[in-house]
Amino acid sequence: MDLSKIISNSFKYPFRNIKRLPIICLFFILIAIIPIGLLVDNDYVVGVGVIAFFLFILLVPGYFVSIIRVGSSQSAMMPSFNLVNSIYDSIRVVFLRIVYMIVPAAVFLIALKAVGPKSRDLLFQIRIPEFLATVGLVLLLIIVVYLVFEFLLFFAKARLAYFNSLSEALKVNKVMGDIRRIGIFTIIKWLIVMFILLNVVTFASSFIISIPYVGLLIYIVIVIPILESIANYSLGLLYSNIAKSYDDDLGNFRNIESRKYDRIK
């Protein structure tokens, strides 16, 4: 599937499934409870919102994995909600993020330990240009490492969705192989186009927040779920370009094994 079809199908996706779209919207009510509690200045509602937020973490990441999975098979249907599967996939996504963030966290701690005392001395000595240069270089290093592993995590989630296997998603070499097979320039173009279009939609819909009392709630419960479903489905469609080749490879392997079995018989 070429880039233009991926983009157009992604933006049509939520509206082709308008009857099932409320499933995602209901999820996002869970994170809207805390802002509501803060607005009405009610500690009880805020407390309920904290519990609801943890429920959100247990349900929503897993459901979005199922949307990526649907996209990787190039289906236009929004998946039905399955409580057990959503919780299971959410736990796997959280674990995946923890593992992929180990290196950025380690780089941050090592840089803090190595450069922290020196930068503090530079600041005390009022050597501001050197202090800013040192801190700037360290921050740049940390940001670059973080973005690299965030990028890998992005496609690790696609691999998790397609293979339905955490161990496959943890194989960094395989994830990097997927990125090479899709094409780094294709991915960059996809990222740029999706970033621009999603931000345009975000800006165009931001006026909703100005609606008294309910504007923020509408934005959280309707606009954000639509944008998230578009982004995750688009990732699935992008991955579908190599998912088909995996299917073909699996089919060829089964044919070879079947022929070997026939010869033995």
Protein backbone atom coordinates (compact mmCIF):
# COMPACT_ATOMS: atom_id res chain seq x y z
CA MET A 1 0.00 0.00 0.00
CA ASP A 2 1.47 3.34 -1.04
CA LEU A 3 1.80 6.33 1.26
CA SER A 4 -1.17 8.27 -0.13
CA LYS A 5 -3.51 5.30 0.44
CA ILE A 6 -2.15 4.76 3.95
CA ILE A 7 -2.83 8.40 4.85
CA SER A 8 -6.28 8.61 3.24
CA ASN A 9 -7.47 5.27 4.64
CA SER A 10 -6.18 6.20 8.11
CA PHE A 11 -8.19 9.43 8.24
CA LYS A 12 -11.30 7.67 6.94
CA TYR A 13 -10.96 4.82 9.42
CA PRO A 14 -12.71 6.28 12.53
CA PHE A 15 -15.64 7.53 10.46
CA ARG A 16 -16.10 4.22 8.68
CA ASN A 17 -16.58 2.73 12.14
CA ILE A 18 -18.77 5.46 13.58
CA LYS A 19 -20.92 2.91 15.44
CA ARG A 20 -17.91 1.48 17.29
CA LEU A 21 -16.13 4.78 17.81
CA PRO A 22 -17.94 5.34 21.16
CA ILE A 23 -15.95 2.37 22.54
CA ILE A 24 -12.77 4.46 22.43
CA CYS A 25 -14.58 7.61 23.56
CA LEU A 26 -15.83 5.80 26.66
CA PHE A 27 -12.24 4.83 27.50
CA PHE A 28 -11.16 8.46 27.43
CA ILE A 29 -13.89 9.43 29.89
CA LEU A 30 -11.66 7.66 32.43
CA ILE A 31 -8.90 10.26 32.08
CA ALA A 32 -11.39 13.12 31.90
CA ILE A 33 -12.49 12.52 35.50
CA ILE A 34 -9.36 14.10 37.04
CA PRO A 35 -9.74 17.41 35.12
CA ILE A 36 -13.44 17.44 36.04
CA GLY A 37 -12.56 16.96 39.71
CA LEU A 38 -10.04 19.79 39.55
CA LEU A 39 -12.54 22.10 37.84
CA VAL A 40 -15.24 21.47 40.44
CA ASP A 41 -12.63 21.46 43.23
CA ASN A 42 -13.81 18.11 44.58
CA ASP A 43 -11.17 15.85 46.13
CA TYR A 44 -13.50 12.85 46.01
CA VAL A 45 -13.94 13.18 42.23
CA VAL A 46 -10.17 13.61 41.84
CA GLY A 47 -9.64 10.42 43.88
CA VAL A 48 -12.06 8.53 41.65
CA GLY A 49 -10.21 10.02 38.68
CA VAL A 50 -6.88 8.61 39.89
CA ILE A 51 -8.40 5.11 40.05
CA ALA A 52 -9.98 5.65 36.64
CA PHE A 53 -6.60 6.72 35.25
CA PHE A 54 -5.06 3.39 36.27
CA LEU A 55 -7.99 1.60 34.61
CA PHE A 56 -7.26 3.67 31.50
CA ILE A 57 -3.63 2.46 31.50
CA LEU A 58 -4.84 -1.14 31.85
CA LEU A 59 -7.31 -0.95 28.97
CA VAL A 60 -6.44 1.63 26.34
CA PRO A 61 -2.87 0.73 25.24
CA GLY A 62 -4.00 -2.84 24.65
CA TYR A 63 -7.02 -1.75 22.63
CA PHE A 64 -4.82 0.43 20.42
CA VAL A 65 -2.58 -2.61 19.85
CA SER A 66 -5.66 -4.35 18.46
CA ILE A 67 -6.21 -1.37 16.13
CA ILE A 68 -2.60 -1.68 14.91
CA ARG A 69 -3.24 -5.41 14.39
CA VAL A 70 -6.34 -4.67 12.32
CA GLY A 71 -4.36 -2.18 10.24
CA SER A 72 -1.54 -4.67 9.64
CA SER A 73 -4.09 -7.01 8.05
CA GLN A 74 -5.52 -4.07 6.03
CA SER A 75 -8.97 -4.59 7.49
CA ALA A 76 -11.19 -1.50 7.75
CA MET A 77 -13.12 -2.75 10.78
CA MET A 78 -12.62 -1.36 14.26
CA PRO A 79 -11.95 -4.25 16.68
CA SER A 80 -14.55 -5.19 19.25
CA PHE A 81 -13.58 -4.68 22.87
CA ASN A 82 -12.29 -7.71 24.77
CA LEU A 83 -11.53 -7.00 28.44
CA VAL A 84 -9.02 -9.81 28.98
CA ASN A 85 -7.15 -9.23 25.73
CA SER A 86 -6.99 -5.48 26.27
CA ILE A 87 -5.55 -5.84 29.77
CA TYR A 88 -3.08 -8.51 28.58
CA ASP A 89 -1.90 -6.38 25.65
CA SER A 90 -1.70 -3.26 27.83
CA ILE A 91 0.57 -5.04 30.31
CA ARG A 92 2.78 -6.20 27.44
CA VAL A 93 2.96 -2.65 26.02
CA VAL A 94 3.93 -1.22 29.42
CA PHE A 95 6.61 -3.90 29.82
CA LEU A 96 7.85 -3.22 26.29
CA ARG A 97 8.18 0.49 27.04
CA ILE A 98 10.09 -0.21 30.26
CA VAL A 99 12.57 -2.45 28.43
CA TYR A 100 13.08 -0.05 25.52
CA MET A 101 13.60 2.88 27.88
CA ILE A 102 16.38 1.13 29.85
CA VAL A 103 19.12 2.46 27.56
CA PRO A 104 17.86 6.10 27.52
CA ALA A 105 17.49 5.99 31.32
CA ALA A 106 21.00 4.55 31.69
CA VAL A 107 22.45 7.24 29.40
CA PHE A 108 20.67 9.91 31.44
CA LEU A 109 22.01 8.59 34.76
CA ILE A 110 25.56 8.13 33.42
CA ALA A 111 25.56 11.63 31.93
CA LEU A 112 24.18 13.08 35.15
CA LYS A 113 26.90 11.40 37.20
CA ALA A 114 29.71 12.22 34.76
CA VAL A 115 28.84 15.81 33.89
CA GLY A 116 26.79 16.91 36.90
CA PRO A 117 29.67 17.90 39.20
CA LYS A 118 31.54 19.64 36.38
CA SER A 119 28.51 21.63 35.26
CA ARG A 120 27.79 22.62 38.86
CA ASP A 121 31.35 23.90 39.23
CA LEU A 122 31.05 25.88 36.01
CA LEU A 123 27.84 27.46 37.27
CA PHE A 124 29.37 28.39 40.64
CA GLN A 125 32.35 29.90 38.83
CA ILE A 126 29.91 31.93 36.71
CA ARG A 127 31.33 30.43 33.50
CA ILE A 128 27.91 30.63 31.88
CA PRO A 129 28.85 29.99 28.20
CA GLU A 130 30.77 26.83 29.12
CA PHE A 131 27.98 25.73 31.45
CA LEU A 132 25.34 26.18 28.74
CA ALA A 133 27.50 24.38 26.14
CA THR A 134 28.10 21.42 28.47
CA VAL A 135 24.47 21.09 29.54
CA GLY A 136 23.29 21.60 25.95
CA LEU A 137 25.49 18.81 24.58
CA VAL A 138 24.40 16.43 27.32
CA LEU A 139 20.72 17.22 26.74
CA LEU A 140 21.20 16.76 23.00
CA LEU A 141 22.78 13.35 23.57
CA ILE A 142 19.96 12.28 25.90
CA ILE A 143 17.26 13.51 23.51
CA VAL A 144 18.84 11.76 20.50
CA VAL A 145 19.15 8.45 22.37
CA TYR A 146 15.58 8.77 23.65
CA LEU A 147 14.19 9.51 20.16
CA VAL A 148 16.07 6.56 18.65
CA PHE A 149 14.59 4.12 21.17
CA GLU A 150 11.16 5.76 20.98
CA PHE A 151 11.36 5.21 17.23
CA LEU A 152 12.30 1.54 17.75
CA LEU A 153 9.50 1.17 20.31
CA PHE A 154 7.02 2.46 17.74
CA PHE A 155 7.75 -0.45 15.41
CA ALA A 156 8.21 -2.90 18.27
CA LYS A 157 4.53 -2.28 19.08
CA ALA A 158 3.65 -2.99 15.45
CA ARG A 159 5.63 -6.23 15.65
CA LEU A 160 3.88 -7.10 18.93
CA ALA A 161 0.51 -6.50 17.30
CA TYR A 162 1.23 -8.54 14.19
CA PHE A 163 2.99 -11.53 15.76
CA ASN A 164 1.01 -11.29 19.03
CA SER A 165 4.30 -12.10 20.76
CA LEU A 166 6.18 -10.05 23.34
CA SER A 167 9.38 -11.98 22.67
CA GLU A 168 9.23 -10.99 18.99
CA ALA A 169 8.75 -7.33 19.92
CA LEU A 170 11.77 -7.49 22.24
CA LYS A 171 14.08 -8.61 19.41
CA VAL A 172 15.65 -5.24 18.62
CA ASN A 173 17.53 -6.67 15.63
CA LYS A 174 14.26 -7.91 14.14
CA VAL A 175 12.60 -4.54 14.77
CA MET A 176 15.51 -2.82 13.01
CA GLY A 177 15.10 -5.33 10.19
CA ASP A 178 11.43 -4.38 9.88
CA ILE A 179 12.40 -0.71 9.65
CA ARG A 180 14.89 -1.46 6.87
CA ARG A 181 12.31 -3.56 4.99
CA ILE A 182 9.69 -0.81 5.16
CA GLY A 183 12.32 1.74 4.12
CA ILE A 184 13.71 4.51 6.26
CA PHE A 185 12.80 7.21 3.70
CA THR A 186 9.25 5.86 3.46
CA ILE A 187 8.97 5.99 7.25
CA ILE A 188 10.37 9.54 7.40
CA LYS A 189 7.89 10.72 4.76
CA TRP A 190 5.07 8.97 6.62
CA LEU A 191 6.10 10.55 9.93
CA ILE A 192 6.32 14.04 8.43
CA VAL A 193 2.96 13.83 6.64
CA MET A 194 1.16 12.31 9.64
CA PHE A 195 2.75 14.83 12.02
CA ILE A 196 1.63 17.78 9.88
CA LEU A 197 -1.91 16.49 9.25
CA LEU A 198 -2.56 15.44 12.85
CA ASN A 199 -1.33 18.80 14.09
CA VAL A 200 -3.52 20.61 11.57
CA VAL A 201 -6.54 18.65 12.82
CA THR A 202 -5.50 19.31 16.42
CA PHE A 203 -5.21 23.05 15.77
CA ALA A 204 -8.48 23.18 13.81
CA SER A 205 -10.37 21.36 16.56
CA SER A 206 -8.78 23.24 19.47
CA PHE A 207 -11.56 25.84 19.37
CA ILE A 208 -13.77 23.21 21.03
CA ILE A 209 -11.87 23.76 24.28
CA SER A 210 -13.22 27.33 24.42
CA ILE A 211 -16.80 26.05 24.77
CA PRO A 212 -17.80 26.86 28.37
CA TYR A 213 -17.88 24.00 30.87
CA VAL A 214 -17.90 21.10 28.38
CA GLY A 215 -15.26 22.13 25.84
CA LEU A 216 -12.32 20.38 27.49
CA LEU A 217 -14.41 17.26 28.14
CA ILE A 218 -15.51 17.07 24.48
CA TYR A 219 -11.91 17.50 23.31
CA ILE A 220 -10.58 14.75 25.60
CA VAL A 221 -13.42 12.30 25.00
CA ILE A 222 -13.97 12.78 21.25
CA VAL A 223 -11.12 14.57 19.47
CA ILE A 224 -8.16 12.80 21.13
CA PRO A 225 -9.62 9.26 20.65
CA ILE A 226 -10.19 9.97 16.95
CA LEU A 227 -6.62 11.23 16.51
CA GLU A 228 -5.20 8.23 18.40
CA SER A 229 -7.21 5.75 16.35
CA ILE A 230 -5.99 7.41 13.14
CA ALA A 231 -2.34 7.29 14.26
CA ASN A 232 -2.41 3.66 15.42
CA TYR A 233 -4.33 2.40 12.39
CA SER A 234 -1.91 4.26 10.14
CA LEU A 235 1.02 2.49 11.82
CA GLY A 236 -0.72 -0.83 11.21
CA LEU A 237 -1.24 -0.02 7.52
CA LEU A 238 2.41 0.99 7.19
CA TYR A 239 3.47 -2.31 8.76
CA SER A 240 1.09 -4.23 6.49
CA ASN A 241 3.51 -3.67 3.60
CA ILE A 242 5.96 -6.10 5.20
CA ALA A 243 3.33 -8.16 7.07
CA LYS A 244 2.20 -9.50 3.69
CA SER A 245 5.75 -10.66 2.97
CA TYR A 246 5.81 -12.45 6.32
CA ASP A 247 2.56 -14.17 5.35
CA ASP A 248 4.05 -15.16 2.00
CA ASP A 249 7.20 -16.49 3.67
CA LEU A 250 5.10 -18.50 6.11
CA GLY A 251 2.99 -19.86 3.27
CA ASN A 252 6.10 -20.87 1.29
CA PHE A 253 7.56 -22.53 4.38
CA ARG A 254 4.38 -24.54 4.90
CA ASN A 255 4.35 -25.59 1.24
CA ILE A 256 7.96 -26.78 1.47
CA GLU A 257 7.24 -28.70 4.66
CA SER A 258 4.14 -30.22 3.08
CA ARG A 259 6.16 -31.41 0.07
CA LYS A 260 8.77 -32.95 2.35
CA TYR A 261 6.00 -34.77 4.22
CA ASP A 262 4.50 -36.04 0.94
CA ARG A 263 7.90 -37.40 -0.15
CA ILE A 264 8.30 -39.20 3.17
CA LYS A 265 4.87 -40.76 2.74
